[in-house]
Amino acid sequence: MTKAKTAINIIDAISDPQLFKPWFDGLTWNAWRTFLKVLFALQLDGDQAVTYTKHTKRSTAPHKAFNEAWLVVGRRGGKSLVASLVAVFLAAFRDYARCLKPGEIGTIMILAADRRQARTIMRYAKGFFELPMLKRLVINETAESIELSTRVVIEIHTASFRSVRGYTLLAVICDELAFWRSDESANPDSEIIGAVRPGLATIPDSLLLCISSPYARRGALWTAYDRHFGKDSNVLVWQADSKSMNPSLDDSVIAQAYEEDPASAAAEYGGLFRTDVESFISREAVAQCLVSGRLELPPASDISYGSFVDPSGGSSDSMTLAISHVEKDRVVLDAVREIKAPFSPESAVKEFADLLKTYRVSSVTGDRYGGEWPREQFRKHGIGYTISDKTKSEIYLSCLPLLNSSRVELLDNPRLLAQLLGLERRTSRGGRDSIDHSPHSNSHDDLINAAAGALVLAQAGGYQKPGQWRFDDGGIWFAPQGCSSRADVAALKKHEERVRRYFQAPSEIEAATLFASNHPERNRATASWAKKLER
């Protein structure tokens, strides 16, 4: 392969007053100067050798430039500005003409969780190209790209393994990849890194530069750190706290962060991977529960079904529903539904109620979201609404043994699986575990919340069998709906008038819901009376 030529080295560039010195002047940039020397295999002086060893745990200086580097650095450490510098330096001062085919354009790709985050690096790059020496290279500029006369374009892209294919890549800069999340993939960072490698392979001096504050001990950043940090490999891993890379950072900001949440601050400013955040479940355990190719199971007349709903107001979060049943010693997920925001809550409830009726489900369980609203809306469509006695975290914890013992049959739904694998177990300072989705952007758990709720409820025996009376944990009584046999219907008709008369309401289910939920003290009397009907 023909290598690209470099007009000057990057240290000369940041030392030149007509180039980048105004941005990188002063002693506070010393650690970054050392990193850049290491990245491009430039000679280190004595103090820089000490800094190199401190942040890489290596003793031997590199003899050739790295094609792959991972920066594990705390927030406000200067990562984005340096990443932009590297992108502009490569685009402006390396001649890739001998590496490119006629008519081919080389791309320096800036990847981030979303375009808003990627534009931070792009704004720095555009600022650099305002320099008189560099401005003449720009032939076209848009909000998301800078095209140069050197047959190089700098572009920003969102973190998607589908959108990064098909490019000839000179360099890829991955910004804050520890926080990339997607409902379409359980491991978007690893898939994206895998997708860009072929595009880098045809350029001998290409560079994969991944920069991020650390988070949990999983994902591509942790894998690279675990494999290469402190080892003399061809992949550079540089770990540093914010203050080491940016000595001008206010000490009081860091001190306050440590006082408020030491574990979070150790990652955000200390550059350390968190030990209080772990994956909720392993990929292998989920794979054992997955029924490949099964998207949904139709209702069967001899099966009793139940359901769990995660309601939403329709403006931001999805509203989701899951239906399940018990089959011998296994819990089967039959169907899931998700209505993404924005939507009409009333229309969503009607759609869910129609589906529930096809499975002969008369009552759905959900959380306390929205107060009386979900109960009123489902009641309009003949469906009772029972409030779950478990929090979301408790539901997940109850579901874990079922998953780990492979007693669950999961649907082959990519969003469902991605949300399940994206759940995190966090340990508070008091030692208590809680389960939730990542607090960062693009993280959701609406679908898996409904599915886990349905699975746990089924396993606990909380579903009504055809023709039987049922009591929820709050004491609310629901009459059988959609009975599966003529005998069941006859039994219901036999007591229909007595039910109406006792509750003084238009129908038995409305009566039970309204009466018992509004008068908790009468729950025991309601239960006692209904048991007499059964006899």
Protein backbone atom coordinates (compact mmCIF):
# COMPACT_ATOMS: atom_id res chain seq x y z
CA MET A 1 0.00 0.00 0.00
CA THR A 2 1.13 3.54 -0.76
CA LYS A 3 1.38 5.64 2.35
CA ALA A 4 0.11 9.22 2.64
CA LYS A 5 2.66 12.02 2.93
CA THR A 6 2.58 14.50 5.82
CA ALA A 7 3.84 18.05 5.22
CA ILE A 8 4.57 18.87 8.91
CA ASN A 9 4.05 17.00 12.14
CA ILE A 10 1.23 17.83 14.53
CA ILE A 11 3.51 19.28 17.23
CA ASP A 12 4.93 21.74 14.72
CA ALA A 13 1.37 22.65 13.78
CA ILE A 14 0.27 23.43 17.36
CA SER A 15 3.47 25.40 17.93
CA ASP A 16 2.98 27.62 14.87
CA PRO A 17 1.40 31.04 15.67
CA GLN A 18 -0.17 31.07 12.19
CA LEU A 19 -1.80 27.71 12.78
CA PHE A 20 -3.01 26.17 16.04
CA LYS A 21 -0.81 27.75 18.70
CA PRO A 22 -3.49 30.29 19.80
CA TRP A 23 -5.65 27.34 20.95
CA PHE A 24 -2.93 25.14 22.45
CA ASP A 25 -0.47 27.61 23.95
CA GLY A 26 0.57 27.34 27.59
CA LEU A 27 1.61 24.72 30.10
CA THR A 28 -1.96 23.45 30.63
CA TRP A 29 -1.71 21.62 27.30
CA ASN A 30 1.45 19.68 28.19
CA ALA A 31 -0.34 16.37 28.80
CA TRP A 32 -2.12 16.66 25.47
CA ARG A 33 1.15 17.44 23.69
CA THR A 34 2.51 14.21 25.12
CA PHE A 35 -0.53 12.27 23.95
CA LEU A 36 -0.19 13.68 20.41
CA LYS A 37 3.49 12.78 20.33
CA VAL A 38 2.67 9.24 21.40
CA LEU A 39 -0.18 8.94 18.89
CA PHE A 40 2.05 9.95 15.98
CA ALA A 41 5.23 8.30 17.34
CA LEU A 42 7.24 11.50 17.85
CA GLN A 43 10.19 11.63 20.22
CA LEU A 44 9.40 12.20 23.91
CA ASP A 45 11.53 14.20 26.32
CA GLY A 46 12.13 13.13 29.94
CA ASP A 47 9.00 14.67 31.52
CA GLN A 48 6.84 13.51 28.65
CA ALA A 49 8.09 9.95 29.06
CA VAL A 50 6.90 10.06 32.69
CA THR A 51 3.48 11.36 31.57
CA TYR A 52 3.30 8.65 28.91
CA THR A 53 3.94 5.90 31.45
CA LYS A 54 1.49 7.40 33.95
CA HIS A 55 -1.43 7.38 31.52
CA THR A 56 -0.70 4.24 29.52
CA LYS A 57 1.14 2.04 32.06
CA ARG A 58 3.67 1.33 29.30
CA SER A 59 7.42 1.74 29.58
CA THR A 60 8.51 1.43 25.94
CA ALA A 61 7.90 4.44 23.69
CA PRO A 62 6.14 3.66 20.38
CA HIS A 63 8.30 3.37 17.27
CA LYS A 64 5.46 3.84 14.78
CA ALA A 65 2.27 5.88 14.66
CA PHE A 66 -0.88 4.20 15.93
CA ASN A 67 -3.77 3.32 13.64
CA GLU A 68 -6.07 2.88 16.63
CA ALA A 69 -6.27 4.81 19.89
CA TRP A 70 -8.75 4.93 22.77
CA LEU A 71 -8.93 7.91 25.10
CA VAL A 72 -10.52 7.24 28.50
CA VAL A 73 -10.57 10.75 29.91
CA GLY A 74 -12.86 12.56 32.36
CA ARG A 75 -15.25 15.34 31.40
CA ARG A 76 -14.00 18.83 30.57
CA GLY A 77 -10.57 17.39 29.91
CA GLY A 78 -10.31 18.87 26.40
CA LYS A 79 -11.15 15.72 24.42
CA SER A 80 -13.40 17.34 21.81
CA LEU A 81 -10.99 20.15 20.94
CA VAL A 82 -8.08 17.73 20.52
CA ALA A 83 -10.22 15.35 18.44
CA SER A 84 -11.12 18.24 16.17
CA LEU A 85 -7.45 19.21 15.92
CA VAL A 86 -6.53 15.69 14.80
CA ALA A 87 -9.30 15.67 12.18
CA VAL A 88 -8.26 19.04 10.73
CA PHE A 89 -4.55 18.18 10.82
CA LEU A 90 -5.08 14.95 8.89
CA ALA A 91 -7.40 16.61 6.37
CA ALA A 92 -5.16 19.61 5.71
CA PHE A 93 -1.60 18.33 6.05
CA ARG A 94 -1.69 14.74 4.86
CA ASP A 95 -1.64 14.07 1.14
CA TYR A 96 -3.88 11.07 0.53
CA ALA A 97 -3.90 11.44 -3.27
CA ARG A 98 -1.70 8.39 -3.77
CA CYS A 99 -4.05 6.30 -1.62
CA LEU A 100 -7.25 7.29 -3.43
CA LYS A 101 -8.51 6.00 -6.74
CA PRO A 102 -9.44 8.47 -9.52
CA GLY A 103 -12.59 10.33 -8.47
CA GLU A 104 -12.55 8.85 -4.98
CA ILE A 105 -13.09 11.10 -1.95
CA GLY A 106 -11.62 10.26 1.42
CA THR A 107 -13.83 10.82 4.45
CA ILE A 108 -12.87 11.80 7.98
CA MET A 109 -15.95 10.74 9.90
CA ILE A 110 -17.00 12.23 13.23
CA LEU A 111 -19.43 9.92 15.01
CA ALA A 112 -21.53 10.79 18.04
CA ALA A 113 -24.74 9.66 19.72
CA ASP A 114 -26.61 12.32 17.75
CA ARG A 115 -25.84 15.18 15.38
CA ARG A 116 -26.13 17.75 18.13
CA GLN A 117 -23.20 16.19 19.99
CA ALA A 118 -21.16 15.70 16.80
CA ARG A 119 -21.56 19.39 15.93
CA THR A 120 -19.40 20.33 18.94
CA ILE A 121 -16.35 18.85 17.22
CA MET A 122 -17.51 20.21 13.86
CA ARG A 123 -17.75 23.76 15.23
CA TYR A 124 -14.15 23.53 16.44
CA ALA A 125 -13.11 22.25 13.01
CA LYS A 126 -14.85 25.11 11.24
CA GLY A 127 -13.12 27.53 13.58
CA PHE A 128 -9.73 26.07 12.62
CA PHE A 129 -10.53 26.43 8.92
CA GLU A 130 -11.07 30.16 9.40
CA LEU A 131 -7.28 30.45 9.62
CA PRO A 132 -5.93 32.14 6.45
CA MET A 133 -3.51 29.25 5.77
CA LEU A 134 -6.37 26.72 5.84
CA LYS A 135 -9.35 28.67 4.55
CA ARG A 136 -8.15 28.45 0.95
CA LEU A 137 -8.48 24.64 1.11
CA VAL A 138 -12.25 24.76 1.71
CA ILE A 139 -14.33 24.34 -1.46
CA ASN A 140 -17.71 23.60 0.11
CA GLU A 141 -19.16 23.83 3.60
CA THR A 142 -22.51 22.73 5.01
CA ALA A 143 -23.88 22.33 8.52
CA GLU A 144 -22.60 18.75 8.60
CA SER A 145 -19.55 18.69 6.33
CA ILE A 146 -16.40 20.50 5.20
CA GLU A 147 -15.11 19.56 1.74
CA LEU A 148 -11.50 20.36 0.88
CA SER A 149 -9.55 20.69 -2.34
CA THR A 150 -7.32 17.88 -1.02
CA ARG A 151 -10.07 15.34 -1.96
CA VAL A 152 -10.96 15.02 1.72
CA VAL A 153 -14.28 15.70 3.39
CA ILE A 154 -14.92 15.96 7.14
CA GLU A 155 -18.46 14.80 7.97
CA ILE A 156 -20.54 14.27 11.06
CA HIS A 157 -22.67 11.14 11.40
CA THR A 158 -24.95 9.69 14.02
CA ALA A 159 -23.95 6.44 15.68
CA SER A 160 -25.62 3.89 13.42
CA PHE A 161 -23.95 0.79 12.01
CA ARG A 162 -26.13 1.08 8.89
CA SER A 163 -25.21 4.67 7.92
CA VAL A 164 -21.41 4.33 8.18
CA ARG A 165 -20.96 1.72 5.46
CA GLY A 166 -19.72 2.37 1.94
CA TYR A 167 -17.17 5.08 2.70
CA THR A 168 -13.44 5.26 2.08
CA LEU A 169 -12.38 6.29 5.55
CA LEU A 170 -9.19 8.18 6.31
CA ALA A 171 -10.07 8.55 9.97
CA VAL A 172 -13.02 7.88 12.26
CA ILE A 173 -13.44 9.84 15.48
CA CYS A 174 -15.95 8.30 17.87
CA ASP A 175 -17.15 10.81 20.45
CA GLU A 176 -18.38 9.63 23.88
CA LEU A 177 -19.00 6.12 22.61
CA ALA A 178 -19.44 4.75 26.15
CA PHE A 179 -22.86 6.43 26.08
CA TRP A 180 -24.09 5.33 22.67
CA ARG A 181 -27.47 3.67 23.04
CA SER A 182 -29.99 2.32 20.55
CA ASP A 183 -33.31 0.52 20.75
CA GLU A 184 -32.39 -1.26 17.52
CA SER A 185 -29.22 -2.86 18.82
CA ALA A 186 -28.07 -4.20 22.16
CA ASN A 187 -24.43 -3.25 21.48
CA PRO A 188 -24.39 -0.31 19.03
CA ASP A 189 -20.81 0.76 19.86
CA SER A 190 -19.28 -2.62 18.99
CA GLU A 191 -21.40 -2.98 15.86
CA ILE A 192 -20.44 0.48 14.62
CA ILE A 193 -16.73 -0.09 15.26
CA GLY A 194 -17.04 -3.33 13.31
CA ALA A 195 -18.84 -1.54 10.49
CA VAL A 196 -16.18 1.19 10.01
CA ARG A 197 -13.11 -1.06 10.08
CA PRO A 198 -13.47 -2.22 6.44
CA GLY A 199 -13.67 1.42 5.32
CA LEU A 200 -10.41 2.16 7.12
CA ALA A 201 -8.63 -0.95 5.85
CA THR A 202 -7.70 0.39 2.38
CA ILE A 203 -5.86 3.44 3.77
CA PRO A 204 -2.50 2.43 5.31
CA ASP A 205 -2.26 5.49 7.58
CA SER A 206 -5.92 5.51 8.61
CA LEU A 207 -6.84 6.27 12.21
CA LEU A 208 -9.59 5.05 14.51
CA LEU A 209 -9.72 7.48 17.44
CA CYS A 210 -12.27 6.71 20.15
CA ILE A 211 -12.71 9.30 22.90
CA SER A 212 -15.02 9.07 25.87
CA SER A 213 -15.53 9.52 29.54
CA PRO A 214 -15.80 6.02 31.05
CA TYR A 215 -19.02 4.46 32.25
CA ALA A 216 -19.82 0.84 33.08
CA ARG A 217 -17.41 -2.05 32.63
CA ARG A 218 -18.92 -3.23 29.36
CA GLY A 219 -19.05 -2.22 25.73
CA ALA A 220 -16.35 -1.39 23.21
CA LEU A 221 -14.53 1.16 25.39
CA TRP A 222 -14.20 -1.25 28.31
CA THR A 223 -13.20 -4.12 25.99
CA ALA A 224 -10.38 -2.05 24.45
CA TYR A 225 -9.25 -0.91 27.89
CA ASP A 226 -9.32 -4.43 29.29
CA ARG A 227 -7.37 -5.88 26.36
CA HIS A 228 -4.78 -3.19 25.68
CA PHE A 229 -4.27 -0.84 28.64
CA GLY A 230 -0.81 -1.26 30.09
CA LYS A 231 0.24 -3.66 27.32
CA ASP A 232 2.71 -3.11 24.48
CA SER A 233 0.17 -3.73 21.73
CA ASN A 234 -0.53 -1.90 18.48
CA VAL A 235 -3.59 -0.27 20.07
CA LEU A 236 -3.04 2.75 22.29
CA VAL A 237 -5.21 3.19 25.39
CA TRP A 238 -4.73 6.43 27.34
CA GLN A 239 -6.50 6.86 30.68
CA ALA A 240 -6.53 10.12 32.63
CA ASP A 241 -8.61 12.14 35.05
CA SER A 242 -9.95 15.52 33.95
CA LYS A 243 -7.51 17.55 36.02
CA SER A 244 -4.43 15.81 34.61
CA MET A 245 -5.46 16.73 31.07
CA ASN A 246 -6.88 20.15 31.94
CA PRO A 247 -5.11 21.66 34.98
CA SER A 248 -7.19 24.85 34.58
CA LEU A 249 -10.38 23.03 35.56
CA ASP A 250 -11.93 24.52 38.71
CA ASP A 251 -11.20 22.31 41.73
CA SER A 252 -14.48 23.31 43.38
CA VAL A 253 -16.50 21.85 40.50
CA ILE A 254 -14.80 18.48 40.94
CA ALA A 255 -15.05 18.60 44.74
CA GLN A 256 -18.78 19.30 44.59
CA ALA A 257 -19.32 16.39 42.19
CA TYR A 258 -17.50 14.01 44.52
CA GLU A 259 -19.51 15.25 47.48
CA GLU A 260 -22.84 14.73 45.70
CA ASP A 261 -22.11 11.33 44.14
CA PRO A 262 -18.62 9.83 44.60
CA ALA A 263 -19.19 6.87 42.28
CA SER A 264 -20.44 9.06 39.44
CA ALA A 265 -17.72 11.68 39.95
CA ALA A 266 -15.00 9.02 39.88
CA ALA A 267 -16.11 8.21 36.34
CA GLU A 268 -17.07 11.69 35.18
CA TYR A 269 -13.95 13.47 36.46
CA GLY A 270 -11.68 10.70 37.72
CA GLY A 271 -11.62 8.78 34.43
CA LEU A 272 -12.39 5.48 36.21
CA PHE A 273 -14.87 2.86 35.07
CA ARG A 274 -17.80 2.53 37.43
CA THR A 275 -18.00 -0.51 39.69
CA ASP A 276 -21.49 0.31 40.96
CA VAL A 277 -23.11 -0.10 37.53
CA GLU A 278 -23.23 -3.53 35.93
CA SER A 279 -25.21 -5.24 33.19
CA PHE A 280 -28.51 -6.60 34.44
CA ILE A 281 -28.34 -9.83 32.45
CA SER A 282 -25.86 -11.56 30.18
CA ARG A 283 -26.31 -11.86 26.44
CA GLU A 284 -25.97 -15.63 26.78
CA ALA A 285 -28.91 -15.87 29.21
CA VAL A 286 -31.13 -13.86 26.87
CA ALA A 287 -30.11 -16.02 23.91
CA GLN A 288 -31.26 -19.13 25.79
CA CYS A 289 -34.74 -17.62 26.21
CA LEU A 290 -35.14 -16.29 22.68
CA VAL A 291 -37.41 -18.19 20.29
CA SER A 292 -35.80 -17.23 16.99
CA GLY A 293 -38.23 -16.08 14.32
CA ARG A 294 -41.23 -15.94 16.66
CA LEU A 295 -42.77 -12.49 16.35
CA GLU A 296 -46.13 -13.19 18.02
CA LEU A 297 -48.39 -16.05 19.09
CA PRO A 298 -52.10 -16.02 18.19
CA PRO A 299 -54.69 -16.46 20.95
CA ALA A 300 -55.75 -20.02 21.79
CA SER A 301 -59.14 -20.93 23.26
CA ASP A 302 -57.74 -23.23 25.95
CA ILE A 303 -55.16 -20.82 27.35
CA SER A 304 -55.63 -18.18 30.03
CA TYR A 305 -53.79 -14.95 29.25
CA GLY A 306 -52.85 -11.90 31.23
CA SER A 307 -51.34 -8.56 30.43
CA PHE A 308 -49.20 -5.72 31.72
CA VAL A 309 -49.24 -2.17 30.39
CA ASP A 310 -46.75 0.69 30.71
CA PRO A 311 -48.97 3.75 30.18
CA SER A 312 -47.79 7.08 28.82
CA GLY A 313 -49.28 10.51 28.30
CA GLY A 314 -48.33 10.44 24.63
CA SER A 315 -45.90 13.35 24.47
CA SER A 316 -42.49 11.73 25.04
CA ASP A 317 -42.43 8.06 26.12
CA SER A 318 -43.94 5.13 24.29
CA MET A 319 -47.01 3.34 25.60
CA THR A 320 -46.50 -0.40 25.66
CA LEU A 321 -48.45 -3.59 26.30
CA ALA A 322 -47.42 -7.22 26.74
CA ILE A 323 -49.50 -10.41 26.88
CA SER A 324 -48.25 -13.69 28.32
CA HIS A 325 -49.33 -17.06 29.66
CA VAL A 326 -47.97 -19.98 31.67
CA GLU A 327 -47.22 -23.25 29.90
CA LYS A 328 -46.17 -26.02 32.29
CA ASP A 329 -43.04 -24.70 34.01
CA ARG A 330 -42.36 -21.94 31.49
CA VAL A 331 -43.69 -18.42 31.03
CA VAL A 332 -44.42 -17.50 27.43
CA LEU A 333 -44.50 -14.00 26.00
CA ASP A 334 -47.28 -14.02 23.40
CA ALA A 335 -47.48 -10.46 22.10
CA VAL A 336 -46.06 -7.01 22.63
CA ARG A 337 -47.24 -3.66 21.33
CA GLU A 338 -45.55 -0.28 21.34
CA ILE A 339 -47.07 3.03 20.32
CA LYS A 340 -44.35 5.65 19.99
CA ALA A 341 -44.85 9.26 20.97
CA PRO A 342 -46.50 11.46 19.98
CA PHE A 343 -49.89 9.77 20.04
CA SER A 344 -53.41 10.15 21.39
CA PRO A 345 -53.62 8.33 24.76
CA GLU A 346 -57.31 7.60 24.25
CA SER A 347 -56.65 5.99 20.85
CA ALA A 348 -53.77 3.99 22.31
CA VAL A 349 -55.98 2.59 25.08
CA LYS A 350 -58.64 1.62 22.56
CA GLU A 351 -56.08 -0.16 20.39
CA PHE A 352 -54.74 -2.04 23.39
CA ALA A 353 -58.22 -2.90 24.66
CA ASP A 354 -59.17 -4.35 21.26
CA LEU A 355 -56.08 -6.55 21.34
CA LEU A 356 -56.74 -7.65 24.93
CA LYS A 357 -60.25 -8.76 24.01
CA THR A 358 -58.92 -11.04 21.26
CA TYR A 359 -56.95 -12.84 23.98
CA ARG A 360 -60.03 -12.82 26.29
CA VAL A 361 -58.24 -10.64 28.84
CA SER A 362 -60.60 -8.66 31.05
CA SER A 363 -58.07 -6.92 33.27
CA VAL A 364 -54.67 -5.39 32.70
CA THR A 365 -52.03 -4.60 35.32
CA GLY A 366 -49.93 -1.43 35.26
CA ASP A 367 -48.17 1.07 37.47
CA ARG A 368 -49.56 4.14 39.20
CA TYR A 369 -48.76 6.48 36.31
CA GLY A 370 -51.47 9.05 35.65
CA GLY A 371 -53.52 8.36 38.77
CA GLU A 372 -57.10 7.48 37.87
CA TRP A 373 -56.68 8.24 34.16
CA PRO A 374 -55.54 4.79 32.92
CA ARG A 375 -58.24 3.06 34.94
CA GLU A 376 -60.95 5.33 33.56
CA GLN A 377 -59.79 4.93 29.97
CA PHE A 378 -59.51 1.14 30.08
CA ARG A 379 -62.83 0.91 31.95
CA LYS A 380 -64.55 2.71 29.06
CA HIS A 381 -63.60 -0.25 26.88
CA GLY A 382 -64.62 -2.93 29.38
CA ILE A 383 -61.10 -3.62 30.68
CA GLY A 384 -60.23 -3.41 34.36
CA TYR A 385 -56.96 -1.82 35.46
CA THR A 386 -55.09 -3.22 38.45
CA ILE A 387 -52.21 -1.32 40.03
CA SER A 388 -49.07 -3.41 40.32
CA ASP A 389 -47.82 -4.02 43.84
CA LYS A 390 -44.22 -4.02 42.54
CA THR A 391 -42.08 -1.11 41.42
CA LYS A 392 -40.38 -1.28 38.04
CA SER A 393 -37.08 -2.24 39.64
CA GLU A 394 -38.76 -4.97 41.70
CA ILE A 395 -40.38 -6.35 38.56
CA TYR A 396 -37.00 -6.59 36.85
CA LEU A 397 -35.43 -8.27 39.88
CA SER A 398 -38.30 -10.77 40.03
CA CYS A 399 -37.91 -11.50 36.32
CA LEU A 400 -34.18 -12.18 36.51
CA PRO A 401 -34.40 -15.73 37.99
CA LEU A 402 -36.88 -16.70 35.27
CA LEU A 403 -34.50 -15.48 32.58
CA ASN A 404 -31.36 -16.95 34.08
CA SER A 405 -33.02 -20.35 34.50
CA SER A 406 -34.31 -20.26 30.88
CA ARG A 407 -37.92 -20.57 32.03
CA VAL A 408 -39.04 -17.80 29.68
CA GLU A 409 -39.86 -17.81 25.98
CA LEU A 410 -39.10 -14.39 24.50
CA LEU A 411 -40.30 -13.01 21.19
CA ASP A 412 -37.77 -12.20 18.47
CA ASN A 413 -38.27 -8.45 18.75
CA PRO A 414 -35.03 -6.41 18.30
CA ARG A 415 -36.23 -3.41 20.33
CA LEU A 416 -37.39 -5.64 23.17
CA LEU A 417 -34.08 -7.51 23.27
CA ALA A 418 -31.99 -4.32 23.01
CA GLN A 419 -33.88 -2.76 25.91
CA LEU A 420 -33.49 -5.92 28.00
CA LEU A 421 -29.74 -6.07 27.40
CA GLY A 422 -29.47 -2.33 28.03
CA LEU A 423 -30.82 -2.57 31.58
CA GLU A 424 -28.37 -1.71 34.33
CA ARG A 425 -28.01 -2.82 37.91
CA ARG A 426 -26.91 0.04 40.17
CA THR A 427 -25.84 -0.26 43.77
CA SER A 428 -26.58 2.75 45.96
CA ARG A 429 -24.33 3.96 48.74
CA GLY A 430 -26.68 2.16 51.13
CA GLY A 431 -26.00 -1.13 49.36
CA ARG A 432 -29.43 -1.45 47.77
CA ASP A 433 -29.69 -2.61 44.15
CA SER A 434 -31.96 -0.95 41.62
CA ILE A 435 -32.59 -1.86 38.00
CA ASP A 436 -33.31 0.68 35.28
CA HIS A 437 -32.27 1.74 31.80
CA SER A 438 -29.20 3.89 31.32
CA PRO A 439 -29.83 7.54 32.27
CA HIS A 440 -28.19 8.72 29.07
CA SER A 441 -29.76 9.75 25.77
CA ASN A 442 -31.49 7.24 23.49
CA SER A 443 -32.06 4.81 26.36
CA HIS A 444 -35.56 3.43 26.93
CA ASP A 445 -37.21 0.53 28.72
CA ASP A 446 -40.90 1.01 27.92
CA LEU A 447 -41.21 -2.24 25.97
CA ILE A 448 -39.21 -4.45 28.31
CA ASN A 449 -41.03 -2.95 31.31
CA ALA A 450 -44.37 -4.19 29.98
CA ALA A 451 -42.90 -7.55 28.96
CA ALA A 452 -41.18 -8.15 32.30
CA GLY A 453 -44.35 -7.17 34.14
CA ALA A 454 -46.40 -9.65 32.11
CA LEU A 455 -43.88 -12.44 32.68
CA VAL A 456 -43.64 -11.87 36.43
CA LEU A 457 -47.40 -11.61 36.81
CA ALA A 458 -47.93 -14.88 34.92
CA GLN A 459 -45.28 -16.71 36.93
CA ALA A 460 -46.89 -15.55 40.17
CA GLY A 461 -50.24 -17.05 39.11
CA GLY A 462 -51.93 -13.69 38.85
CA TYR A 463 -53.99 -14.51 35.76
CA GLN A 464 -57.68 -15.33 35.74
CA LYS A 465 -58.68 -18.72 34.42
CA PRO A 466 -61.75 -18.86 32.18
CA GLY A 467 -64.94 -18.98 34.21
CA GLN A 468 -63.35 -18.14 37.57
CA TRP A 469 -63.65 -15.11 39.79
CA ARG A 470 -60.49 -13.10 40.40
CA PHE A 471 -59.24 -10.68 43.06
CA ASP A 472 -56.30 -8.36 42.53
CA ASP A 473 -53.84 -7.48 45.30
CA GLY A 474 -55.82 -4.38 46.19
CA GLY A 475 -59.04 -6.35 46.67
CA ILE A 476 -60.81 -5.16 43.49
CA TRP A 477 -63.09 -7.83 42.09
CA PHE A 478 -63.60 -8.43 38.35
CA ALA A 479 -66.24 -10.68 36.86
CA PRO A 480 -65.16 -13.08 34.08
CA GLN A 481 -65.08 -11.55 30.60
CA GLY A 482 -64.94 -13.39 27.30
CA CYS A 483 -65.68 -16.75 28.93
CA SER A 484 -64.46 -19.69 26.93
CA SER A 485 -67.48 -22.02 27.22
CA ARG A 486 -71.29 -21.95 27.22
CA ALA A 487 -71.28 -23.15 30.81
CA ASP A 488 -69.18 -20.18 31.81
CA VAL A 489 -71.53 -17.80 30.05
CA ALA A 490 -74.54 -19.45 31.70
CA ALA A 491 -72.91 -19.15 35.12
CA LEU A 492 -72.29 -15.49 34.54
CA LYS A 493 -75.85 -14.88 33.33
CA LYS A 494 -77.23 -16.71 36.36
CA HIS A 495 -75.67 -14.18 38.73
CA GLU A 496 -75.70 -11.14 36.45
CA GLU A 497 -78.78 -9.52 37.98
CA ARG A 498 -77.62 -10.15 41.55
CA VAL A 499 -74.23 -8.57 40.76
CA ARG A 500 -75.87 -5.47 39.31
CA ARG A 501 -78.32 -5.18 42.15
CA TYR A 502 -75.65 -5.62 44.81
CA PHE A 503 -73.34 -2.99 43.40
CA GLN A 504 -76.07 -0.72 41.99
CA ALA A 505 -74.13 -0.10 38.80
CA PRO A 506 -74.78 -0.59 35.06
CA SER A 507 -72.55 -3.66 34.75
CA GLU A 508 -70.77 -6.05 37.03
CA ILE A 509 -67.24 -5.10 36.05
CA GLU A 510 -67.90 -1.37 36.28
CA ALA A 511 -69.56 -1.93 39.61
CA ALA A 512 -66.68 -3.93 41.03
CA THR A 513 -64.05 -1.50 39.80
CA LEU A 514 -65.86 1.61 40.93
CA PHE A 515 -67.15 0.19 44.19
CA ALA A 516 -64.06 -1.53 45.52
CA SER A 517 -61.49 1.00 44.34
CA ASN A 518 -63.43 3.93 45.73
CA HIS A 519 -64.33 2.19 49.00
CA PRO A 520 -61.30 0.20 50.17
CA GLU A 521 -62.97 -0.61 53.46
CA ARG A 522 -65.55 -2.68 51.62
CA ASN A 523 -63.02 -4.84 49.79
CA ARG A 524 -63.28 -7.68 52.28
CA ALA A 525 -67.06 -7.65 52.08
CA THR A 526 -66.82 -7.68 48.28
CA ALA A 527 -64.49 -10.67 48.33
CA SER A 528 -66.65 -12.56 50.82
CA TRP A 529 -69.82 -11.99 48.79
CA ALA A 530 -68.21 -13.07 45.52
CA LYS A 531 -66.94 -16.28 47.08
CA LYS A 532 -70.53 -17.15 48.03
CA LEU A 533 -71.49 -16.80 44.37
CA GLU A 534 -68.76 -19.29 43.43
CA ARG A 535 -70.25 -21.86 45.83
